[in-house]
Protein backbone atom coordinates (compact mmCIF):
# COMPACT_ATOMS: atom_id res chain seq x y z
CA UNK A 1 -26.12 -47.99 30.43
CA UNK A 2 -29.78 -48.91 31.01
CA UNK A 3 -29.04 -49.75 34.64
CA UNK A 4 -27.35 -46.40 35.19
CA UNK A 5 -30.32 -44.56 33.69
CA UNK A 6 -32.70 -46.57 35.83
CA UNK A 7 -30.63 -45.86 38.95
CA UNK A 8 -30.52 -42.13 38.22
CA UNK A 9 -34.27 -42.01 37.65
CA UNK A 10 -34.90 -43.66 41.03
CA UNK A 11 -32.74 -41.23 43.00
CA UNK A 12 -34.33 -37.97 44.17
CA UNK A 13 -33.64 -35.10 41.83
CA UNK A 14 -34.95 -31.86 40.41
CA UNK A 15 -38.26 -33.47 39.43
CA UNK A 16 -39.03 -33.93 43.11
CA UNK A 17 -38.14 -30.33 43.89
CA UNK A 18 -41.71 -29.58 42.86
CA UNK A 19 -42.84 -31.31 46.06
CA UNK A 20 -40.41 -29.23 48.10
CA UNK A 21 -41.75 -26.02 46.56
CA UNK A 22 -45.13 -26.93 48.01
CA UNK A 23 -43.89 -28.13 51.40
CA UNK A 24 -40.99 -25.69 51.97
CA UNK A 25 -41.28 -22.72 49.58
CA UNK A 26 -38.01 -21.06 50.67
CA UNK A 27 -35.92 -24.24 50.39
CA UNK A 28 -32.95 -24.14 48.01
CA UNK A 29 -32.60 -27.27 45.86
CA UNK A 30 -29.65 -29.43 46.80
CA UNK A 31 -29.50 -28.23 50.41
CA UNK A 32 -30.13 -30.98 52.94
CA UNK A 33 -32.51 -30.02 55.76
CA UNK A 34 -30.99 -30.70 59.18
CA UNK A 35 -32.52 -31.10 62.61
CA UNK A 36 -31.46 -27.50 63.39
CA UNK A 37 -33.32 -26.22 60.33
CA UNK A 38 -36.38 -28.18 61.34
CA UNK A 39 -36.12 -26.91 64.95
CA UNK A 40 -35.97 -23.29 63.80
CA UNK A 41 -38.77 -23.81 61.31
CA UNK A 42 -41.06 -25.54 63.79
CA UNK A 43 -40.34 -23.09 66.62
CA UNK A 44 -41.23 -20.25 64.25
CA UNK A 45 -44.73 -21.52 63.56
CA UNK A 46 -47.65 -19.66 65.19
CA UNK A 47 -48.67 -22.56 67.52
CA UNK A 48 -45.10 -22.87 68.82
CA UNK A 49 -44.74 -19.13 69.36
CA UNK A 50 -48.06 -18.97 71.22
CA UNK A 51 -47.05 -21.94 73.37
CA UNK A 52 -43.67 -20.35 74.13
CA UNK A 53 -45.44 -17.21 75.37
CA UNK A 54 -47.85 -19.29 77.45
CA UNK A 55 -44.90 -21.27 78.87
CA UNK A 56 -43.15 -18.04 79.85
CA UNK A 57 -46.30 -16.77 81.54
CA UNK A 58 -46.81 -20.01 83.48
CA UNK A 59 -43.21 -19.91 84.68
CA UNK A 60 -43.30 -16.18 85.43
CA UNK A 61 -46.37 -16.47 87.62
CA UNK A 62 -45.33 -19.90 88.87
CA UNK A 63 -48.81 -21.24 88.16
CA UNK A 64 -48.86 -25.02 88.57
CA UNK A 65 -52.18 -25.68 86.82
CA UNK A 66 -51.39 -23.24 84.04
CA UNK A 67 -48.13 -25.08 83.43
CA UNK A 68 -50.00 -28.36 83.29
CA UNK A 69 -52.39 -27.00 80.66
CA UNK A 70 -49.49 -25.64 78.63
CA UNK A 71 -47.70 -29.00 78.83
CA UNK A 72 -50.83 -30.71 77.51
CA UNK A 73 -51.03 -28.19 74.66
CA UNK A 74 -47.34 -28.76 73.84
CA UNK A 75 -48.03 -32.51 73.83
CA UNK A 76 -50.87 -32.07 71.37
CA UNK A 77 -48.75 -29.85 69.10
CA UNK A 78 -45.79 -32.24 69.14
CA UNK A 79 -48.15 -35.11 68.33
CA UNK A 80 -49.48 -33.21 65.34
CA UNK A 81 -45.96 -32.40 64.14
CA UNK A 82 -44.73 -35.97 64.58
CA UNK A 83 -47.72 -37.96 63.37
CA UNK A 84 -49.78 -35.99 60.87
CA UNK A 85 -48.86 -36.68 57.27
CA UNK A 86 -46.58 -39.63 57.96
CA UNK A 87 -48.34 -41.79 55.41
CA UNK A 88 -48.74 -39.12 52.75
CA UNK A 89 -46.82 -39.53 49.53
CA UNK A 90 -46.01 -35.81 49.43
CA UNK A 91 -44.20 -35.93 52.76
CA UNK A 92 -42.36 -39.12 51.80
CA UNK A 93 -41.11 -37.46 48.61
CA UNK A 94 -40.11 -34.31 50.50
CA UNK A 95 -38.13 -36.37 53.01
CA UNK A 96 -36.47 -38.27 50.16
CA UNK A 97 -35.55 -34.99 48.47
CA UNK A 98 -34.15 -33.62 51.73
CA UNK A 99 -36.28 -30.52 52.24
CA UNK A 100 -37.89 -31.87 55.44
CA UNK A 101 -35.61 -32.74 58.32
CA UNK A 102 -36.13 -34.88 61.37
CA UNK A 103 -38.23 -33.27 64.14
CA UNK A 104 -36.30 -35.12 66.87
CA UNK A 105 -34.44 -32.03 68.11
CA UNK A 106 -37.71 -30.06 68.23
CA UNK A 107 -39.33 -32.82 70.27
CA UNK A 108 -36.33 -32.93 72.65
CA UNK A 109 -36.39 -29.16 73.19
CA UNK A 110 -40.14 -29.21 73.84
CA UNK A 111 -39.68 -32.08 76.30
CA UNK A 112 -37.00 -30.06 78.13
CA UNK A 113 -39.27 -27.00 78.26
CA UNK A 114 -42.17 -29.06 79.62
CA UNK A 115 -40.01 -30.86 82.18
CA UNK A 116 -38.53 -27.58 83.34
CA UNK A 117 -41.96 -26.00 83.70
CA UNK A 118 -43.28 -28.91 85.75
CA UNK A 119 -40.25 -28.89 88.04
CA UNK A 120 -40.20 -25.11 88.45
CA UNK A 121 -43.90 -24.74 89.20
CA UNK A 122 -44.11 -27.75 91.54
CA UNK A 123 -45.12 -26.83 95.08
CA UNK A 124 -42.20 -26.25 97.41
CA UNK A 125 -41.84 -28.38 100.50
CA UNK A 126 -41.98 -26.43 103.71
CA UNK A 127 -39.46 -27.20 106.41
CA UNK A 128 -40.66 -27.64 109.95
């Protein structure tokens, strides 16, 4: 019986939901955050929305140097998302509780956007 109590106290539960209220206020307890949830959440942040608009402008005007600057800004934002707070206890508890998902899909989508911008805005070869 003591082992069962100890095991239950180690597993994430409603006591950790306090951490999730701070990190993800609209999260419902018991729901596991997926990569899709994290993608939608991260793409809805102000830096991501601004970078999406800047990406669209660089592609629309086919501006090679503008696209390069936007790619560098995307790189900085992805680095912040992926690396900031990795060692914090709050984030570790939120991941254990399940209210923070993996940002891998977000990083892959951003990489595809950046690769597409670079390829689309690259100078065209002229035929002789």
